């Protein structure tokens, strides 16, 4: 693998410099494969959401919900896995996007993701 093919930078955002718990009214942004750069406002940090997949419907507890700042979708299919970061100079990681609709997007809390994967954000 060529080292120059990898980067710790998020397109149009920069390098995340740590993590921070999500908070209501926090301004966040991400760069996704499908929608590119988008920004949102966190509306809930403790929402239970049922997501329908081909194998059934699964409930995810205590998730981050956000709404668009304009008429554009924050996320669409293909954006799952995008790192959601707080808008600001440090770009602190808040969550990992995994579901959405035209009006809302859902992310796992970054602390839960890092703990489950037994990794840390360098």
PDB file of N, CA and C in Angstrom:
ATOM      1  N   UNK A   1       0.842  -1.170   0.000  1.00  0.00           N
ATOM      2  CA  UNK A   1       0.000   0.000   0.000  1.00  0.00           C
ATOM      3  C   UNK A   1       0.891   1.239   0.000  1.00  0.00           C
ATOM      4  N   UNK A   2       0.534   2.231  -0.781  1.00  0.00           N
ATOM      5  CA  UNK A   2       1.289   3.463  -0.836  1.00  0.00           C
ATOM      6  C   UNK A   2       0.870   4.382   0.309  1.00  0.00           C
ATOM      7  N   UNK A   3       1.817   4.877   1.104  1.00  0.00           N
ATOM      8  CA  UNK A   3       1.483   5.723   2.253  1.00  0.00           C
ATOM      9  C   UNK A   3       0.711   6.984   1.886  1.00  0.00           C
ATOM     10  N   UNK A   4       0.918   7.542   0.713  1.00  0.00           N
ATOM     11  CA  UNK A   4       0.235   8.785   0.358  1.00  0.00           C
ATOM     12  C   UNK A   4      -1.235   8.586  -0.019  1.00  0.00           C
ATOM     13  N   UNK A   5      -1.726   7.358   0.006  1.00  0.00           N
ATOM     14  CA  UNK A   5      -3.135   7.105  -0.284  1.00  0.00           C
ATOM     15  C   UNK A   5      -4.012   7.279   0.947  1.00  0.00           C
ATOM     16  N   UNK A   6      -3.404   7.376   2.117  1.00  0.00           N
ATOM     17  CA  UNK A   6      -4.143   7.513   3.364  1.00  0.00           C
ATOM     18  C   UNK A   6      -3.918   8.888   3.963  1.00  0.00           C
ATOM     19  N   UNK A   7      -4.929   9.385   4.642  1.00  0.00           N
ATOM     20  CA  UNK A   7      -4.813  10.683   5.298  1.00  0.00           C
ATOM     21  C   UNK A   7      -5.719  10.702   6.515  1.00  0.00           C
ATOM     22  N   UNK A   8      -5.341  11.469   7.525  1.00  0.00           N
ATOM     23  CA  UNK A   8      -6.206  11.634   8.692  1.00  0.00           C
ATOM     24  C   UNK A   8      -7.104  12.850   8.544  1.00  0.00           C
ATOM     25  N   UNK A   9      -7.112  13.473   7.391  1.00  0.00           N
ATOM     26  CA  UNK A   9      -7.940  14.642   7.144  1.00  0.00           C
ATOM     27  C   UNK A   9      -9.295  14.249   6.573  1.00  0.00           C
ATOM     28  N   UNK A  10     -10.316  14.966   7.004  1.00  0.00           N
ATOM     29  CA  UNK A  10     -11.650  14.830   6.436  1.00  0.00           C
ATOM     30  C   UNK A  10     -11.768  15.909   5.367  1.00  0.00           C
ATOM     31  N   UNK A  11     -12.161  15.528   4.159  1.00  0.00           N
ATOM     32  CA  UNK A  11     -12.282  16.493   3.073  1.00  0.00           C
ATOM     33  C   UNK A  11     -13.103  17.704   3.490  1.00  0.00           C
ATOM     34  N   UNK A  12     -12.647  18.882   3.158  1.00  0.00           N
ATOM     35  CA  UNK A  12     -13.298  20.169   3.412  1.00  0.00           C
ATOM     36  C   UNK A  12     -13.500  20.465   4.899  1.00  0.00           C
ATOM     37  N   UNK A  13     -12.964  19.621   5.791  1.00  0.00           N
ATOM     38  CA  UNK A  13     -13.112  19.852   7.226  1.00  0.00           C
ATOM     39  C   UNK A  13     -11.754  19.933   7.903  1.00  0.00           C
ATOM     40  N   UNK A  14     -10.902  18.972   7.651  1.00  0.00           N
ATOM     41  CA  UNK A  14      -9.587  18.956   8.273  1.00  0.00           C
ATOM     42  C   UNK A  14      -9.409  17.754   9.181  1.00  0.00           C
ATOM     43  N   UNK A  15      -8.428  17.843  10.055  1.00  0.00           N
ATOM     44  CA  UNK A  15      -8.073  16.746  10.945  1.00  0.00           C
ATOM     45  C   UNK A  15      -8.879  16.837  12.241  1.00  0.00           C
ATOM     46  N   UNK A  16      -9.525  15.745  12.674  1.00  0.00           N
ATOM     47  CA  UNK A  16     -10.173  15.759  13.994  1.00  0.00           C
ATOM     48  C   UNK A  16      -9.100  15.685  15.080  1.00  0.00           C
ATOM     49  N   UNK A  17      -9.258  16.499  16.121  1.00  0.00           N
ATOM     50  CA  UNK A  17      -8.256  16.589  17.185  1.00  0.00           C
ATOM     51  C   UNK A  17      -8.800  16.124  18.527  1.00  0.00           C
ATOM     52  N   UNK A  18      -9.498  15.009  18.550  1.00  0.00           N
ATOM     53  CA  UNK A  18     -10.043  14.478  19.792  1.00  0.00           C
ATOM     54  C   UNK A  18     -11.532  14.242  19.677  1.00  0.00           C
ATOM     55  N   UNK A  19     -12.169  14.046  20.815  1.00  0.00           N
ATOM     56  CA  UNK A  19     -13.600  13.770  20.859  1.00  0.00           C
ATOM     57  C   UNK A  19     -14.278  14.681  21.870  1.00  0.00           C
ATOM     58  N   UNK A  20     -15.580  14.787  21.741  1.00  0.00           N
ATOM     59  CA  UNK A  20     -16.400  15.543  22.684  1.00  0.00           C
ATOM     60  C   UNK A  20     -17.791  14.908  22.667  1.00  0.00           C
ATOM     61  N   UNK A  21     -18.442  14.807  23.819  1.00  0.00           N
ATOM     62  CA  UNK A  21     -19.814  14.288  23.824  1.00  0.00           C
ATOM     63  C   UNK A  21     -20.754  15.226  23.055  1.00  0.00           C
ATOM     64  N   UNK A  22     -21.689  14.646  22.344  1.00  0.00           N
ATOM     65  CA  UNK A  22     -22.691  15.435  21.635  1.00  0.00           C
ATOM     66  C   UNK A  22     -23.551  16.192  22.636  1.00  0.00           C
ATOM     67  N   UNK A  23     -24.019  17.357  22.226  1.00  0.00           N
ATOM     68  CA  UNK A  23     -24.893  18.176  23.068  1.00  0.00           C
ATOM     69  C   UNK A  23     -25.993  18.770  22.199  1.00  0.00           C
ATOM     70  N   UNK A  24     -27.151  18.962  22.779  1.00  0.00           N
ATOM     71  CA  UNK A  24     -28.273  19.556  22.060  1.00  0.00           C
ATOM     72  C   UNK A  24     -27.883  20.955  21.592  1.00  0.00           C
ATOM     73  N   UNK A  25     -28.243  21.282  20.362  1.00  0.00           N
ATOM     74  CA  UNK A  25     -27.954  22.533  19.671  1.00  0.00           C
ATOM     75  C   UNK A  25     -26.503  22.667  19.217  1.00  0.00           C
ATOM     76  N   UNK A  26     -25.688  21.637  19.409  1.00  0.00           N
ATOM     77  CA  UNK A  26     -24.308  21.655  18.902  1.00  0.00           C
ATOM     78  C   UNK A  26     -24.350  21.671  17.380  1.00  0.00           C
ATOM     79  N   UNK A  27     -23.496  22.484  16.790  1.00  0.00           N
ATOM     80  CA  UNK A  27     -23.367  22.519  15.340  1.00  0.00           C
ATOM     81  C   UNK A  27     -22.319  21.488  14.939  1.00  0.00           C
ATOM     82  N   UNK A  28     -22.692  20.623  13.983  1.00  0.00           N
ATOM     83  CA  UNK A  28     -21.802  19.555  13.538  1.00  0.00           C
ATOM     84  C   UNK A  28     -21.731  19.555  12.016  1.00  0.00           C
ATOM     85  N   UNK A  29     -20.698  18.897  11.498  1.00  0.00           N
ATOM     86  CA  UNK A  29     -20.586  18.726  10.057  1.00  0.00           C
ATOM     87  C   UNK A  29     -19.883  17.415   9.763  1.00  0.00           C
ATOM     88  N   UNK A  30     -19.955  17.014   8.483  1.00  0.00           N
ATOM     89  CA  UNK A  30     -19.325  15.773   8.046  1.00  0.00           C
ATOM     90  C   UNK A  30     -19.097  15.853   6.550  1.00  0.00           C
ATOM     91  N   UNK A  31     -18.286  14.936   6.037  1.00  0.00           N
ATOM     92  CA  UNK A  31     -18.119  14.783   4.603  1.00  0.00           C
ATOM     93  C   UNK A  31     -18.458  13.341   4.278  1.00  0.00           C
ATOM     94  N   UNK A  32     -19.527  13.135   3.522  1.00  0.00           N
ATOM     95  CA  UNK A  32     -19.977  11.793   3.170  1.00  0.00           C
ATOM     96  C   UNK A  32     -19.738  11.485   1.707  1.00  0.00           C
ATOM     97  N   UNK A  33     -19.683  10.215   1.394  1.00  0.00           N
ATOM     98  CA  UNK A  33     -19.445   9.782   0.016  1.00  0.00           C
ATOM     99  C   UNK A  33     -20.513  10.294  -0.933  1.00  0.00           C
ATOM    100  N   UNK A  34     -21.768  10.278  -0.517  1.00  0.00           N
ATOM    101  CA  UNK A  34     -22.869  10.650  -1.406  1.00  0.00           C
ATOM    102  C   UNK A  34     -23.172  12.143  -1.376  1.00  0.00           C
ATOM    103  N   UNK A  35     -23.305  12.706  -0.194  1.00  0.00           N
ATOM    104  CA  UNK A  35     -23.738  14.099  -0.073  1.00  0.00           C
ATOM    105  C   UNK A  35     -22.589  15.091   0.011  1.00  0.00           C
ATOM    106  N   UNK A  36     -21.357  14.613   0.182  1.00  0.00           N
ATOM    107  CA  UNK A  36     -20.235  15.538   0.312  1.00  0.00           C
ATOM    108  C   UNK A  36     -20.275  16.264   1.638  1.00  0.00           C
ATOM    109  N   UNK A  37     -19.931  17.548   1.627  1.00  0.00           N
ATOM    110  CA  UNK A  37     -19.897  18.343   2.862  1.00  0.00           C
ATOM    111  C   UNK A  37     -21.295  18.816   3.214  1.00  0.00           C
ATOM    112  N   UNK A  38     -21.707  18.568   4.457  1.00  0.00           N
ATOM    113  CA  UNK A  38     -22.986  19.073   4.959  1.00  0.00           C
ATOM    114  C   UNK A  38     -22.838  19.414   6.431  1.00  0.00           C
ATOM    115  N   UNK A  39     -23.688  20.316   6.900  1.00  0.00           N
ATOM    116  CA  UNK A  39     -23.692  20.736   8.304  1.00  0.00           C
ATOM    117  C   UNK A  39     -25.095  20.571   8.875  1.00  0.00           C
ATOM    118  N   UNK A  40     -25.148  20.350  10.176  1.00  0.00           N
ATOM    119  CA  UNK A  40     -26.423  20.133  10.868  1.00  0.00           C
ATOM    120  C   UNK A  40     -26.362  20.643  12.282  1.00  0.00           C
ATOM    121  N   UNK A  41     -27.529  20.614  12.942  1.00  0.00           N
ATOM    122  CA  UNK A  41     -27.654  20.963  14.354  1.00  0.00           C
ATOM    123  C   UNK A  41     -28.174  19.741  15.098  1.00  0.00           C
ATOM    124  N   UNK A  42     -27.525  19.398  16.203  1.00  0.00           N
ATOM    125  CA  UNK A  42     -27.941  18.263  17.025  1.00  0.00           C
ATOM    126  C   UNK A  42     -29.234  18.631  17.747  1.00  0.00           C
ATOM    127  N   UNK A  43     -30.236  17.753  17.656  1.00  0.00           N
ATOM    128  CA  UNK A  43     -31.519  17.994  18.309  1.00  0.00           C
ATOM    129  C   UNK A  43     -31.781  17.051  19.473  1.00  0.00           C
ATOM    130  N   UNK A  44     -31.070  15.929  19.513  1.00  0.00           N
ATOM    131  CA  UNK A  44     -31.241  14.969  20.604  1.00  0.00           C
ATOM    132  C   UNK A  44     -29.965  14.142  20.741  1.00  0.00           C
ATOM    133  N   UNK A  45     -29.663  13.777  21.970  1.00  0.00           N
ATOM    134  CA  UNK A  45     -28.498  12.920  22.224  1.00  0.00           C
ATOM    135  C   UNK A  45     -28.905  11.624  22.908  1.00  0.00           C
ATOM    136  N   UNK A  46     -30.216  11.376  22.967  1.00  0.00           N
ATOM    137  CA  UNK A  46     -30.721  10.225  23.705  1.00  0.00           C
ATOM    138  C   UNK A  46     -31.977   9.658  23.040  1.00  0.00           C
ATOM    139  N   UNK A  47     -31.932   9.460  21.728  1.00  0.00           N
ATOM    140  CA  UNK A  47     -33.099   8.989  20.981  1.00  0.00           C
ATOM    141  C   UNK A  47     -32.987   7.506  20.677  1.00  0.00           C
ATOM    142  N   UNK A  48     -34.067   6.781  20.921  1.00  0.00           N
ATOM    143  CA  UNK A  48     -34.161   5.384  20.500  1.00  0.00           C
ATOM    144  C   UNK A  48     -34.784   5.384  19.111  1.00  0.00           C
ATOM    145  N   UNK A  49     -34.132   4.716  18.178  1.00  0.00           N
ATOM    146  CA  UNK A  49     -34.602   4.737  16.798  1.00  0.00           C
ATOM    147  C   UNK A  49     -34.631   3.320  16.245  1.00  0.00           C
ATOM    148  N   UNK A  50     -35.716   2.984  15.536  1.00  0.00           N
ATOM    149  CA  UNK A  50     -35.848   1.679  14.889  1.00  0.00           C
ATOM    150  C   UNK A  50     -35.486   1.846  13.417  1.00  0.00           C
ATOM    151  N   UNK A  51     -34.522   1.044  12.968  1.00  0.00           N
ATOM    152  CA  UNK A  51     -34.054   1.107  11.588  1.00  0.00           C
ATOM    153  C   UNK A  51     -34.379  -0.225  10.914  1.00  0.00           C
ATOM    154  N   UNK A  52     -35.000  -0.140   9.741  1.00  0.00           N
ATOM    155  CA  UNK A  52     -35.369  -1.351   9.006  1.00  0.00           C
ATOM    156  C   UNK A  52     -34.258  -1.719   8.027  1.00  0.00           C
ATOM    157  N   UNK A  53     -33.775  -2.942   8.145  1.00  0.00           N
ATOM    158  CA  UNK A  53     -32.765  -3.496   7.246  1.00  0.00           C
ATOM    159  C   UNK A  53     -33.357  -4.712   6.550  1.00  0.00           C
ATOM    160  N   UNK A  54     -32.643  -5.280   5.600  1.00  0.00           N
ATOM    161  CA  UNK A  54     -33.125  -6.469   4.885  1.00  0.00           C
ATOM    162  C   UNK A  54     -33.358  -7.636   5.836  1.00  0.00           C
ATOM    163  N   UNK A  55     -32.601  -7.718   6.914  1.00  0.00           N
ATOM    164  CA  UNK A  55     -32.696  -8.832   7.859  1.00  0.00           C
ATOM    165  C   UNK A  55     -33.676  -8.572   8.995  1.00  0.00           C
ATOM    166  N   UNK A  56     -34.314  -7.409   9.007  1.00  0.00           N
ATOM    167  CA  UNK A  56     -35.288  -7.106  10.050  1.00  0.00           C
ATOM    168  C   UNK A  56     -35.156  -5.676  10.544  1.00  0.00           C
ATOM    169  N   UNK A  57     -35.950  -5.360  11.546  1.00  0.00           N
ATOM    170  CA  UNK A  57     -35.931  -4.041  12.150  1.00  0.00           C
ATOM    171  C   UNK A  57     -35.163  -4.112  13.459  1.00  0.00           C
ATOM    172  N   UNK A  58     -34.234  -3.182  13.626  1.00  0.00           N
ATOM    173  CA  UNK A  58     -33.376  -3.165  14.814  1.00  0.00           C
ATOM    174  C   UNK A  58     -33.510  -1.825  15.515  1.00  0.00           C
ATOM    175  N   UNK A  59     -33.557  -1.869  16.835  1.00  0.00           N
ATOM    176  CA  UNK A  59     -33.667  -0.659  17.632  1.00  0.00           C
ATOM    177  C   UNK A  59     -32.297  -0.290  18.185  1.00  0.00           C
ATOM    178  N   UNK A  60     -31.919   0.957  17.981  1.00  0.00           N
ATOM    179  CA  UNK A  60     -30.667   1.501  18.496  1.00  0.00           C
ATOM    180  C   UNK A  60     -31.043   2.509  19.578  1.00  0.00           C
ATOM    181  N   UNK A  61     -30.476   2.336  20.754  1.00  0.00           N
ATOM    182  CA  UNK A  61     -30.837   3.171  21.897  1.00  0.00           C
ATOM    183  C   UNK A  61     -29.848   4.311  22.096  1.00  0.00           C
ATOM    184  N   UNK A  62     -30.389   5.431  22.584  1.00  0.00           N
ATOM    185  CA  UNK A  62     -29.588   6.589  22.993  1.00  0.00           C
ATOM    186  C   UNK A  62     -28.677   7.112  21.883  1.00  0.00           C
ATOM    187  N   UNK A  63     -29.249   7.338  20.720  1.00  0.00           N
ATOM    188  CA  UNK A  63     -28.493   7.802  19.554  1.00  0.00           C
ATOM    189  C   UNK A  63     -28.562   9.319  19.415  1.00  0.00           C
ATOM    190  N   UNK A  64     -27.659   9.863  18.606  1.00  0.00           N
ATOM    191  CA  UNK A  64     -27.615  11.289  18.305  1.00  0.00           C
ATOM    192  C   UNK A  64     -28.509  11.549  17.087  1.00  0.00           C
ATOM    193  N   UNK A  65     -29.401  12.513  17.210  1.00  0.00           N
ATOM    194  CA  UNK A  65     -30.245  12.922  16.091  1.00  0.00           C
ATOM    195  C   UNK A  65     -29.908  14.357  15.723  1.00  0.00           C
ATOM    196  N   UNK A  66     -29.945  14.649  14.422  1.00  0.00           N
ATOM    197  CA  UNK A  66     -29.665  16.005  13.972  1.00  0.00           C
ATOM    198  C   UNK A  66     -30.600  16.366  12.829  1.00  0.00           C
ATOM    199  N   UNK A  67     -30.796  17.677  12.645  1.00  0.00           N
ATOM    200  CA  UNK A  67     -31.648  18.186  11.573  1.00  0.00           C
ATOM    201  C   UNK A  67     -30.845  19.139  10.700  1.00  0.00           C
ATOM    202  N   UNK A  68     -31.271  19.265   9.481  1.00  0.00           N
ATOM    203  CA  UNK A  68     -30.571  20.084   8.495  1.00  0.00           C
ATOM    204  C   UNK A  68     -30.677  21.568   8.811  1.00  0.00           C
ATOM    205  N   UNK A  69     -29.669  22.310   8.377  1.00  0.00           N
ATOM    206  CA  UNK A  69     -29.679  23.774   8.505  1.00  0.00           C
ATOM    207  C   UNK A  69     -30.371  24.432   7.315  1.00  0.00           C
ATOM    208  N   UNK A  70     -30.625  23.650   6.275  1.00  0.00           N
ATOM    209  CA  UNK A  70     -31.274  24.164   5.071  1.00  0.00           C
ATOM    210  C   UNK A  70     -32.167  23.075   4.492  1.00  0.00           C
ATOM    211  N   UNK A  71     -32.511  23.169   3.244  1.00  0.00           N
ATOM    212  CA  UNK A  71     -33.397  22.184   2.618  1.00  0.00           C
ATOM    213  C   UNK A  71     -32.661  20.946   2.121  1.00  0.00           C
ATOM    214  N   UNK A  72     -31.351  20.889   2.275  1.00  0.00           N
ATOM    215  CA  UNK A  72     -30.567  19.757   1.805  1.00  0.00           C
ATOM    216  C   UNK A  72     -30.484  18.667   2.866  1.00  0.00           C
ATOM    217  N   UNK A  73     -30.401  17.425   2.430  1.00  0.00           N
ATOM    218  CA  UNK A  73     -30.236  16.298   3.351  1.00  0.00           C
ATOM    219  C   UNK A  73     -28.824  16.292   3.911  1.00  0.00           C
ATOM    220  N   UNK A  74     -28.684  15.964   5.192  1.00  0.00           N
ATOM    221  CA  UNK A  74     -27.373  15.825   5.817  1.00  0.00           C
ATOM    222  C   UNK A  74     -26.720  14.540   5.368  1.00  0.00           C
ATOM    223  N   UNK A  75     -27.560  13.531   5.143  1.00  0.00           N
ATOM    224  CA  UNK A  75     -27.017  12.227   4.754  1.00  0.00           C
ATOM    225  C   UNK A  75     -27.967  11.519   3.807  1.00  0.00           C
ATOM    226  N   UNK A  76     -27.366  10.624   3.011  1.00  0.00           N
ATOM    227  CA  UNK A  76     -28.107   9.780   2.091  1.00  0.00           C
ATOM    228  C   UNK A  76     -27.400   8.431   2.065  1.00  0.00           C
ATOM    229  N   UNK A  77     -28.022   7.397   1.466  1.00  0.00           N
ATOM    230  CA  UNK A  77     -27.334   6.112   1.373  1.00  0.00           C
ATOM    231  C   UNK A  77     -25.933   6.274   0.785  1.00  0.00           C
ATOM    232  N   UNK A  78     -24.970   5.629   1.411  1.00  0.00           N
ATOM    233  CA  UNK A  78     -23.577   5.737   1.006  1.00  0.00           C
ATOM    234  C   UNK A  78     -22.762   6.608   1.942  1.00  0.00           C
ATOM    235  N   UNK A  79     -23.443   7.401   2.783  1.00  0.00           N
ATOM    236  CA  UNK A  79     -22.747   8.265   3.743  1.00  0.00           C
ATOM    237  C   UNK A  79     -22.474   7.562   5.070  1.00  0.00           C
ATOM    238  N   UNK A  80     -23.053   6.393   5.280  1.00  0.00           N
ATOM    239  CA  UNK A  80     -22.843   5.683   6.543  1.00  0.00           C
ATOM    240  C   UNK A  80     -21.358   5.494   6.788  1.00  0.00           C
ATOM    241  N   UNK A  81     -20.963   5.706   8.024  1.00  0.00           N
ATOM    242  CA  UNK A  81     -19.562   5.587   8.398  1.00  0.00           C
ATOM    243  C   UNK A  81     -18.831   6.912   8.394  1.00  0.00           C
ATOM    244  N   UNK A  82     -19.495   7.986   7.952  1.00  0.00           N
ATOM    245  CA  UNK A  82     -18.867   9.298   7.980  1.00  0.00           C
ATOM    246  C   UNK A  82     -18.722   9.758   9.430  1.00  0.00           C
ATOM    247  N   UNK A  83     -17.574  10.336   9.741  1.00  0.00           N
ATOM    248  CA  UNK A  83     -17.329  10.864  11.077  1.00  0.00           C
ATOM    249  C   UNK A  83     -18.020  12.211  11.203  1.00  0.00           C
ATOM    250  N   UNK A  84     -18.863  12.366  12.221  1.00  0.00           N
ATOM    251  CA  UNK A  84     -19.559  13.617  12.497  1.00  0.00           C
ATOM    252  C   UNK A  84     -18.731  14.367  13.529  1.00  0.00           C
ATOM    253  N   UNK A  85     -18.365  15.606  13.198  1.00  0.00           N
ATOM    254  CA  UNK A  85     -17.502  16.380  14.086  1.00  0.00           C
ATOM    255  C   UNK A  85     -18.141  17.714  14.434  1.00  0.00           C
ATOM    256  N   UNK A  86     -17.780  18.220  15.600  1.00  0.00           N
ATOM    257  CA  UNK A  86     -18.252  19.530  16.035  1.00  0.00           C
ATOM    258  C   UNK A  86     -17.607  20.593  15.154  1.00  0.00           C
ATOM    259  N   UNK A  87     -18.403  21.569  14.730  1.00  0.00           N
ATOM    260  CA  UNK A  87     -17.849  22.661  13.928  1.00  0.00           C
ATOM    261  C   UNK A  87     -17.010  23.537  14.841  1.00  0.00           C
ATOM    262  N   UNK A  88     -15.806  23.812  14.421  1.00  0.00           N
ATOM    263  CA  UNK A  88     -14.896  24.638  15.199  1.00  0.00           C
ATOM    264  C   UNK A  88     -13.469  24.305  14.838  1.00  0.00           C
ATOM    265  N   UNK A  89     -12.524  25.025  15.399  1.00  0.00           N
ATOM    266  CA  UNK A  89     -11.120  24.861  15.000  1.00  0.00           C
ATOM    267  C   UNK A  89     -10.524  23.488  15.315  1.00  0.00           C
ATOM    268  N   UNK A  90     -11.056  22.795  16.329  1.00  0.00           N
ATOM    269  CA  UNK A  90     -10.486  21.501  16.682  1.00  0.00           C
ATOM    270  C   UNK A  90     -11.164  20.328  15.993  1.00  0.00           C
ATOM    271  N   UNK A  91     -12.335  20.537  15.405  1.00  0.00           N
ATOM    272  CA  UNK A  91     -13.052  19.447  14.732  1.00  0.00           C
ATOM    273  C   UNK A  91     -13.131  18.210  15.624  1.00  0.00           C
ATOM    274  N   UNK A  92     -13.677  18.351  16.801  1.00  0.00           N
ATOM    275  CA  UNK A  92     -13.771  17.234  17.739  1.00  0.00           C
ATOM    276  C   UNK A  92     -14.825  16.234  17.274  1.00  0.00           C
ATOM    277  N   UNK A  93     -14.460  14.953  17.247  1.00  0.00           N
ATOM    278  CA  UNK A  93     -15.372  13.896  16.813  1.00  0.00           C
ATOM    279  C   UNK A  93     -16.519  13.749  17.799  1.00  0.00           C
ATOM    280  N   UNK A  94     -17.723  13.646  17.264  1.00  0.00           N
ATOM    281  CA  UNK A  94     -18.946  13.545  18.062  1.00  0.00           C
ATOM    282  C   UNK A  94     -19.623  12.195  17.865  1.00  0.00           C
ATOM    283  N   UNK A  95     -19.685  11.728  16.620  1.00  0.00           N
ATOM    284  CA  UNK A  95     -20.411  10.503  16.342  1.00  0.00           C
ATOM    285  C   UNK A  95     -20.037   9.892  15.008  1.00  0.00           C
ATOM    286  N   UNK A  96     -20.608   8.720  14.771  1.00  0.00           N
ATOM    287  CA  UNK A  96     -20.403   8.003  13.523  1.00  0.00           C
ATOM    288  C   UNK A  96     -21.768   7.815  12.865  1.00  0.00           C
ATOM    289  N   UNK A  97     -21.963   8.441  11.720  1.00  0.00           N
ATOM    290  CA  UNK A  97     -23.232   8.420  11.010  1.00  0.00           C
ATOM    291  C   UNK A  97     -23.579   7.004  10.564  1.00  0.00           C
ATOM    292  N   UNK A  98     -24.850   6.602  10.756  1.00  0.00           N
ATOM    293  CA  UNK A  98     -25.245   5.271  10.285  1.00  0.00           C
ATOM    294  C   UNK A  98     -26.635   5.205   9.674  1.00  0.00           C
ATOM    295  N   UNK A  99     -27.434   6.244   9.795  1.00  0.00           N
ATOM    296  CA  UNK A  99     -28.781   6.199   9.220  1.00  0.00           C
ATOM    297  C   UNK A  99     -29.285   7.623   9.020  1.00  0.00           C
ATOM    298  N   UNK A 100     -30.277   7.761   8.155  1.00  0.00           N
ATOM    299  CA  UNK A 100     -30.837   9.084   7.948  1.00  0.00           C
ATOM    300  C   UNK A 100     -32.042   9.068   7.040  1.00  0.00           C
ATOM    301  N   UNK A 101     -32.631  10.238   6.923  1.00  0.00           N
ATOM    302  CA  UNK A 101     -33.755  10.469   6.026  1.00  0.00           C
ATOM    303  C   UNK A 101     -33.586  11.878   5.476  1.00  0.00           C
ATOM    304  N   UNK A 102     -34.570  12.354   4.735  1.00  0.00           N
ATOM    305  CA  UNK A 102     -34.459  13.699   4.185  1.00  0.00           C
ATOM    306  C   UNK A 102     -34.505  14.769   5.276  1.00  0.00           C
ATOM    307  N   UNK A 103     -35.049  14.429   6.436  1.00  0.00           N
ATOM    308  CA  UNK A 103     -35.178  15.431   7.493  1.00  0.00           C
ATOM    309  C   UNK A 103     -34.254  15.208   8.684  1.00  0.00           C
ATOM    310  N   UNK A 104     -33.905  13.967   8.999  1.00  0.00           N
ATOM    311  CA  UNK A 104     -33.100  13.661  10.185  1.00  0.00           C
ATOM    312  C   UNK A 104     -31.946  12.734   9.827  1.00  0.00           C
ATOM    313  N   UNK A 105     -30.903  12.798  10.632  1.00  0.00           N
ATOM    314  CA  UNK A 105     -29.800  11.851  10.515  1.00  0.00           C
ATOM    315  C   UNK A 105     -29.492  11.304  11.892  1.00  0.00           C
ATOM    316  N   UNK A 106     -28.978  10.080  11.922  1.00  0.00           N
ATOM    317  CA  UNK A 106     -28.721   9.387  13.177  1.00  0.00           C
ATOM    318  C   UNK A 106     -27.264   8.951  13.223  1.00  0.00           C
ATOM    319  N   UNK A 107     -26.648   9.161  14.384  1.00  0.00           N
ATOM    320  CA  UNK A 107     -25.256   8.777  14.573  1.00  0.00           C
ATOM    321  C   UNK A 107     -25.098   8.087  15.923  1.00  0.00           C
ATOM    322  N   UNK A 108     -24.157   7.150  15.969  1.00  0.00           N
ATOM    323  CA  UNK A 108     -23.752   6.542  17.238  1.00  0.00           C
ATOM    324  C   UNK A 108     -22.839   7.529  17.953  1.00  0.00           C
ATOM    325  N   UNK A 109     -22.911   7.576  19.266  1.00  0.00           N
ATOM    326  CA  UNK A 109     -21.977   8.400  20.043  1.00  0.00           C
ATOM    327  C   UNK A 109     -20.562   7.884  19.812  1.00  0.00           C
ATOM    328  N   UNK A 110     -19.619   8.789  19.566  1.00  0.00           N
ATOM    329  CA  UNK A 110     -18.259   8.382  19.241  1.00  0.00           C
ATOM    330  C   UNK A 110     -17.614   7.600  20.385  1.00  0.00           C
ATOM    331  N   UNK A 111     -17.918   7.931  21.621  1.00  0.00           N
ATOM    332  CA  UNK A 111     -17.369   7.189  22.755  1.00  0.00           C
ATOM    333  C   UNK A 111     -17.800   5.735  22.736  1.00  0.00           C
ATOM    334  N   UNK A 112     -19.063   5.477  22.390  1.00  0.00           N
ATOM    335  CA  UNK A 112     -19.566   4.105  22.297  1.00  0.00           C
ATOM    336  C   UNK A 112     -18.878   3.341  21.171  1.00  0.00           C
ATOM    337  N   UNK A 113     -18.664   4.016  20.042  1.00  0.00           N
ATOM    338  CA  UNK A 113     -18.011   3.382  18.885  1.00  0.00           C
ATOM    339  C   UNK A 113     -16.576   3.007  19.236  1.00  0.00           C
ATOM    340  N   UNK A 114     -15.839   3.950  19.804  1.00  0.00           N
ATOM    341  CA  UNK A 114     -14.438   3.696  20.143  1.00  0.00           C
ATOM    342  C   UNK A 114     -14.314   2.582  21.180  1.00  0.00           C
ATOM    343  N   UNK A 115     -15.221   2.585  22.160  1.00  0.00           N
ATOM    344  CA  UNK A 115     -15.207   1.536  23.185  1.00  0.00           C
ATOM    345  C   UNK A 115     -15.528   0.173  22.578  1.00  0.00           C
ATOM    346  N   UNK A 116     -16.538   0.102  21.737  1.00  0.00           N
ATOM    347  CA  UNK A 116     -16.933  -1.172  21.130  1.00  0.00           C
ATOM    348  C   UNK A 116     -15.819  -1.745  20.254  1.00  0.00           C
ATOM    349  N   UNK A 117     -15.108  -0.870  19.565  1.00  0.00           N
ATOM    350  CA  UNK A 117     -14.027  -1.311  18.681  1.00  0.00           C
ATOM    351  C   UNK A 117     -12.684  -1.438  19.416  1.00  0.00           C
ATOM    352  N   UNK A 118     -12.680  -1.027  20.672  1.00  0.00           N
ATOM    353  CA  UNK A 118     -11.471  -1.056  21.502  1.00  0.00           C
ATOM    354  C   UNK A 118     -10.322  -0.300  20.838  1.00  0.00           C
ATOM    355  N   UNK A 119     -10.647   0.923  20.378  1.00  0.00           N
ATOM    356  CA  UNK A 119      -9.644   1.768  19.759  1.00  0.00           C
ATOM    357  C   UNK A 119      -9.756   3.180  20.339  1.00  0.00           C
ATOM    358  N   UNK A 120      -8.810   4.029  20.005  1.00  0.00           N
ATOM    359  CA  UNK A 120      -8.885   5.434  20.396  1.00  0.00           C
ATOM    360  C   UNK A 120      -8.571   6.299  19.191  1.00  0.00           C
ATOM    361  N   UNK A 121      -9.058   7.518  19.222  1.00  0.00           N
ATOM    362  CA  UNK A 121      -8.819   8.453  18.144  1.00  0.00           C
ATOM    363  C   UNK A 121      -7.505   9.146  18.419  1.00  0.00           C
ATOM    364  N   UNK A 122      -6.529   8.944  17.541  1.00  0.00           N
ATOM    365  CA  UNK A 122      -5.189   9.505  17.755  1.00  0.00           C
ATOM    366  C   UNK A 122      -5.134  10.951  17.318  1.00  0.00           C
TER     367      UNK A 122
END
